[in-house]
Amino acid sequence: MRFRDAELRGIPVITKSGQKIGKLAAYIIDAERHEVAQYVVSRSSLLSKILPDELLIAPGQVVSLDAEMMVVEDNAVGERAEARRIAERTAEAASGGANSMKA
């Protein structure tokens, strides 16, 4: 089935397990292959503390997509959330180390 851009923008994006993660904001096209390279999902306000402002979802992580909803694999969100937590812990440790040197 084919959809126009306007038909898909703003549809809810959820995981297979039912977690709401945001809305489909855009998609990135691979011009050489003439296909969708990634879907851009703007995050839900409920997940603002653990996820970046936008998620990039690979086509292989999409379970289903229609004019009503996009369903993605559960790990499409989990991997990004875990990567962000690791980055935040690393940044905190680095700034904590710098602060202790000043004291």
N, C-alpha and C. Protein backbone atom coordinates (compact mmCIF):
# COMPACT_ATOMS: atom_id res chain seq x y z
N MET A 1 0.84 -1.17 0.00
CA MET A 1 0.00 0.00 0.00
C MET A 1 0.88 1.24 0.00
N ARG A 2 0.46 2.28 -0.63
CA ARG A 2 1.22 3.53 -0.71
C ARG A 2 0.47 4.64 0.02
N PHE A 3 1.24 5.52 0.65
CA PHE A 3 0.67 6.65 1.37
C PHE A 3 1.39 7.92 1.00
N ARG A 4 0.68 9.00 0.99
CA ARG A 4 1.29 10.31 0.81
C ARG A 4 1.89 10.76 2.14
N ASP A 5 2.88 11.62 2.06
CA ASP A 5 3.53 12.15 3.24
C ASP A 5 2.51 12.72 4.24
N ALA A 6 1.57 13.50 3.75
CA ALA A 6 0.57 14.14 4.61
C ALA A 6 -0.32 13.13 5.34
N GLU A 7 -0.48 11.95 4.78
CA GLU A 7 -1.30 10.92 5.41
C GLU A 7 -0.59 10.27 6.59
N LEU A 8 0.74 10.29 6.59
CA LEU A 8 1.50 9.61 7.64
C LEU A 8 2.01 10.54 8.73
N ARG A 9 2.28 11.77 8.42
CA ARG A 9 2.80 12.69 9.44
C ARG A 9 1.82 12.83 10.58
N GLY A 10 2.35 12.66 11.79
CA GLY A 10 1.53 12.83 12.98
C GLY A 10 0.84 11.58 13.48
N ILE A 11 0.96 10.46 12.76
CA ILE A 11 0.32 9.24 13.27
C ILE A 11 1.06 8.77 14.52
N PRO A 12 0.35 8.15 15.46
CA PRO A 12 1.02 7.66 16.66
C PRO A 12 1.99 6.52 16.34
N VAL A 13 3.08 6.48 17.11
CA VAL A 13 4.06 5.40 17.00
C VAL A 13 4.11 4.70 18.34
N ILE A 14 3.91 3.39 18.31
CA ILE A 14 3.95 2.59 19.53
C ILE A 14 4.85 1.38 19.31
N THR A 15 5.25 0.77 20.42
CA THR A 15 6.03 -0.47 20.34
C THR A 15 5.08 -1.66 20.26
N LYS A 16 5.62 -2.82 19.93
CA LYS A 16 4.81 -4.04 19.87
C LYS A 16 4.11 -4.30 21.20
N SER A 17 4.76 -3.94 22.29
CA SER A 17 4.17 -4.19 23.61
C SER A 17 3.17 -3.10 24.01
N GLY A 18 2.96 -2.10 23.14
CA GLY A 18 1.94 -1.09 23.41
C GLY A 18 2.43 0.22 24.02
N GLN A 19 3.74 0.38 24.18
CA GLN A 19 4.29 1.62 24.76
C GLN A 19 4.21 2.73 23.72
N LYS A 20 3.57 3.84 24.08
CA LYS A 20 3.49 4.99 23.18
C LYS A 20 4.83 5.71 23.22
N ILE A 21 5.43 5.94 22.04
CA ILE A 21 6.73 6.60 22.02
C ILE A 21 6.72 7.94 21.33
N GLY A 22 5.68 8.26 20.61
CA GLY A 22 5.61 9.57 19.97
C GLY A 22 4.79 9.54 18.70
N LYS A 23 5.12 10.46 17.80
CA LYS A 23 4.41 10.58 16.53
C LYS A 23 5.40 10.61 15.38
N LEU A 24 4.97 10.09 14.26
CA LEU A 24 5.82 10.11 13.08
C LEU A 24 5.94 11.55 12.59
N ALA A 25 7.15 12.07 12.61
CA ALA A 25 7.38 13.46 12.25
C ALA A 25 7.85 13.61 10.81
N ALA A 26 8.65 12.67 10.33
CA ALA A 26 9.21 12.75 8.98
C ALA A 26 9.88 11.43 8.66
N TYR A 27 10.44 11.37 7.49
CA TYR A 27 11.28 10.23 7.16
C TYR A 27 12.43 10.70 6.30
N ILE A 28 13.52 9.95 6.37
CA ILE A 28 14.74 10.30 5.64
C ILE A 28 14.83 9.34 4.45
N ILE A 29 15.02 9.92 3.29
CA ILE A 29 15.06 9.13 2.05
C ILE A 29 16.51 8.91 1.62
N ASP A 30 16.82 7.68 1.24
CA ASP A 30 18.10 7.37 0.61
C ASP A 30 17.92 7.63 -0.88
N ALA A 31 18.47 8.73 -1.36
CA ALA A 31 18.26 9.16 -2.74
C ALA A 31 18.85 8.18 -3.75
N GLU A 32 19.94 7.53 -3.40
CA GLU A 32 20.55 6.58 -4.33
C GLU A 32 19.71 5.32 -4.51
N ARG A 33 19.11 4.88 -3.43
CA ARG A 33 18.32 3.64 -3.48
C ARG A 33 16.83 3.90 -3.70
N HIS A 34 16.42 5.16 -3.56
CA HIS A 34 15.01 5.53 -3.72
C HIS A 34 14.12 4.79 -2.71
N GLU A 35 14.54 4.83 -1.44
CA GLU A 35 13.78 4.16 -0.39
C GLU A 35 13.93 4.90 0.93
N VAL A 36 13.06 4.57 1.87
CA VAL A 36 13.13 5.18 3.20
C VAL A 36 14.34 4.61 3.92
N ALA A 37 15.21 5.50 4.40
CA ALA A 37 16.40 5.08 5.15
C ALA A 37 16.09 5.03 6.65
N GLN A 38 15.33 6.00 7.15
CA GLN A 38 14.97 6.06 8.56
C GLN A 38 13.67 6.85 8.71
N TYR A 39 12.93 6.51 9.76
CA TYR A 39 11.75 7.26 10.14
C TYR A 39 12.12 8.14 11.33
N VAL A 40 11.66 9.37 11.32
CA VAL A 40 11.92 10.29 12.42
C VAL A 40 10.66 10.35 13.28
N VAL A 41 10.82 10.00 14.55
CA VAL A 41 9.70 9.99 15.48
C VAL A 41 9.94 11.06 16.54
N SER A 42 9.01 11.99 16.66
CA SER A 42 9.11 12.98 17.73
C SER A 42 8.58 12.31 18.99
N ARG A 43 9.31 12.47 20.06
CA ARG A 43 9.00 11.72 21.29
C ARG A 43 7.74 12.21 21.97
N SER A 44 7.18 11.33 22.72
CA SER A 44 6.03 11.63 23.56
C SER A 44 6.53 12.39 24.78
N SER A 45 5.73 13.30 25.30
CA SER A 45 6.14 14.07 26.48
C SER A 45 6.36 13.18 27.69
N LEU A 46 5.71 12.03 27.73
CA LEU A 46 5.87 11.10 28.85
C LEU A 46 7.28 10.51 28.90
N LEU A 47 7.95 10.45 27.75
CA LEU A 47 9.27 9.84 27.70
C LEU A 47 10.38 10.88 27.64
N SER A 48 10.07 12.12 27.93
CA SER A 48 11.03 13.20 27.75
C SER A 48 12.29 13.05 28.61
N LYS A 49 12.21 12.33 29.70
CA LYS A 49 13.38 12.21 30.57
C LYS A 49 14.34 11.11 30.16
N ILE A 50 13.88 10.16 29.35
CA ILE A 50 14.76 9.04 29.01
C ILE A 50 15.12 8.95 27.54
N LEU A 51 14.46 9.72 26.70
CA LEU A 51 14.71 9.63 25.27
C LEU A 51 15.10 10.98 24.70
N PRO A 52 15.84 10.98 23.62
CA PRO A 52 16.15 12.25 22.95
C PRO A 52 14.89 12.85 22.33
N ASP A 53 14.98 14.11 21.88
CA ASP A 53 13.81 14.77 21.30
C ASP A 53 13.25 14.01 20.11
N GLU A 54 14.12 13.38 19.34
CA GLU A 54 13.68 12.60 18.19
C GLU A 54 14.35 11.24 18.21
N LEU A 55 13.62 10.26 17.75
CA LEU A 55 14.17 8.92 17.58
C LEU A 55 14.28 8.64 16.09
N LEU A 56 15.32 7.96 15.70
CA LEU A 56 15.47 7.52 14.31
C LEU A 56 15.21 6.02 14.30
N ILE A 57 14.21 5.62 13.55
CA ILE A 57 13.81 4.22 13.50
C ILE A 57 14.18 3.67 12.13
N ALA A 58 14.92 2.58 12.12
CA ALA A 58 15.30 1.93 10.86
C ALA A 58 14.10 1.17 10.30
N PRO A 59 13.99 1.07 8.99
CA PRO A 59 12.87 0.33 8.40
C PRO A 59 12.75 -1.11 8.91
N GLY A 60 13.87 -1.74 9.22
CA GLY A 60 13.83 -3.10 9.75
C GLY A 60 13.23 -3.22 11.14
N GLN A 61 13.09 -2.11 11.83
CA GLN A 61 12.49 -2.11 13.17
C GLN A 61 10.99 -1.86 13.14
N VAL A 62 10.45 -1.60 11.95
CA VAL A 62 9.03 -1.32 11.80
C VAL A 62 8.27 -2.64 11.63
N VAL A 63 7.30 -2.86 12.50
CA VAL A 63 6.47 -4.07 12.45
C VAL A 63 5.31 -3.84 11.49
N SER A 64 4.67 -2.68 11.61
CA SER A 64 3.56 -2.36 10.70
C SER A 64 3.43 -0.84 10.59
N LEU A 65 2.85 -0.42 9.48
CA LEU A 65 2.67 1.00 9.21
C LEU A 65 1.45 1.16 8.32
N ASP A 66 0.52 1.98 8.77
CA ASP A 66 -0.62 2.34 7.95
C ASP A 66 -1.02 3.77 8.28
N ALA A 67 -2.11 4.24 7.75
CA ALA A 67 -2.51 5.63 7.95
C ALA A 67 -3.00 5.91 9.38
N GLU A 68 -3.15 4.86 10.19
CA GLU A 68 -3.64 5.01 11.56
C GLU A 68 -2.53 4.97 12.60
N MET A 69 -1.47 4.16 12.36
CA MET A 69 -0.47 3.92 13.39
C MET A 69 0.78 3.26 12.82
N MET A 70 1.90 3.49 13.51
CA MET A 70 3.14 2.79 13.20
C MET A 70 3.52 1.98 14.43
N VAL A 71 3.81 0.71 14.23
CA VAL A 71 4.23 -0.18 15.32
C VAL A 71 5.68 -0.57 15.07
N VAL A 72 6.51 -0.41 16.11
CA VAL A 72 7.93 -0.73 15.98
C VAL A 72 8.31 -1.79 17.01
N GLU A 73 9.44 -2.43 16.76
CA GLU A 73 9.96 -3.42 17.71
C GLU A 73 10.23 -2.75 19.05
N ASP A 74 10.06 -3.48 20.13
CA ASP A 74 10.30 -2.94 21.47
C ASP A 74 11.73 -2.42 21.61
N ASN A 75 12.70 -3.12 21.04
CA ASN A 75 14.10 -2.72 21.21
C ASN A 75 14.45 -1.45 20.43
N ALA A 76 13.58 -0.99 19.55
CA ALA A 76 13.85 0.25 18.81
C ALA A 76 13.94 1.42 19.78
N VAL A 77 13.25 1.33 20.89
CA VAL A 77 13.27 2.37 21.91
C VAL A 77 14.26 2.03 23.00
N GLY A 78 14.28 0.79 23.42
CA GLY A 78 15.14 0.38 24.53
C GLY A 78 16.60 0.63 24.28
N GLU A 79 17.07 0.35 23.08
CA GLU A 79 18.48 0.55 22.76
C GLU A 79 18.84 2.03 22.84
N ARG A 80 17.96 2.89 22.35
CA ARG A 80 18.23 4.32 22.38
C ARG A 80 18.20 4.84 23.82
N ALA A 81 17.25 4.38 24.61
CA ALA A 81 17.15 4.83 25.99
C ALA A 81 18.37 4.39 26.79
N GLU A 82 18.82 3.16 26.58
CA GLU A 82 20.00 2.66 27.28
C GLU A 82 21.24 3.42 26.86
N ALA A 83 21.38 3.71 25.57
CA ALA A 83 22.52 4.48 25.09
C ALA A 83 22.54 5.87 25.72
N ARG A 84 21.39 6.48 25.85
CA ARG A 84 21.33 7.81 26.46
C ARG A 84 21.70 7.74 27.94
N ARG A 85 21.21 6.72 28.66
CA ARG A 85 21.56 6.58 30.08
C ARG A 85 23.07 6.42 30.26
N ILE A 86 23.68 5.63 29.41
CA ILE A 86 25.14 5.44 29.49
C ILE A 86 25.86 6.75 29.23
N ALA A 87 25.43 7.49 28.22
CA ALA A 87 26.05 8.78 27.91
C ALA A 87 25.89 9.76 29.06
N GLU A 88 24.72 9.78 29.67
CA GLU A 88 24.49 10.69 30.80
C GLU A 88 25.37 10.32 32.00
N ARG A 89 25.49 9.01 32.28
CA ARG A 89 26.35 8.58 33.39
C ARG A 89 27.80 8.94 33.13
N THR A 90 28.24 8.78 31.89
CA THR A 90 29.61 9.12 31.53
C THR A 90 29.86 10.61 31.70
N ALA A 91 28.91 11.43 31.26
CA ALA A 91 29.03 12.89 31.38
C ALA A 91 29.04 13.30 32.86
N GLU A 92 28.19 12.68 33.67
CA GLU A 92 28.15 13.00 35.09
C GLU A 92 29.48 12.63 35.76
N ALA A 93 30.00 11.48 35.41
CA ALA A 93 31.26 11.04 36.01
C ALA A 93 32.39 11.98 35.62
N ALA A 94 32.38 12.41 34.36
CA ALA A 94 33.41 13.33 33.90
C ALA A 94 33.30 14.69 34.59
N SER A 95 32.09 15.20 34.73
CA SER A 95 31.93 16.51 35.39
C SER A 95 32.17 16.39 36.89
N GLY A 96 31.82 15.26 37.47
CA GLY A 96 32.07 15.04 38.90
C GLY A 96 33.54 14.98 39.19
N GLY A 97 34.28 14.36 38.28
CA GLY A 97 35.73 14.29 38.42
C GLY A 97 36.36 15.66 38.30
N ALA A 98 35.85 16.48 37.41
CA ALA A 98 36.37 17.84 37.23
C ALA A 98 36.06 18.69 38.43
N ASN A 99 34.85 18.51 39.00
CA ASN A 99 34.48 19.30 40.17
C ASN A 99 35.32 18.94 41.39
N SER A 100 35.64 17.66 41.55
CA SER A 100 36.42 17.25 42.70
C SER A 100 37.85 17.75 42.59
N MET A 101 38.34 17.96 41.37
CA MET A 101 39.70 18.48 41.19
C MET A 101 39.79 19.95 41.61
N LYS A 102 38.68 20.69 41.44
CA LYS A 102 38.66 22.10 41.79
C LYS A 102 38.64 22.31 43.29
N ALA A 103 38.06 21.38 44.02
CA ALA A 103 37.90 21.54 45.47
C ALA A 103 39.19 21.40 46.21
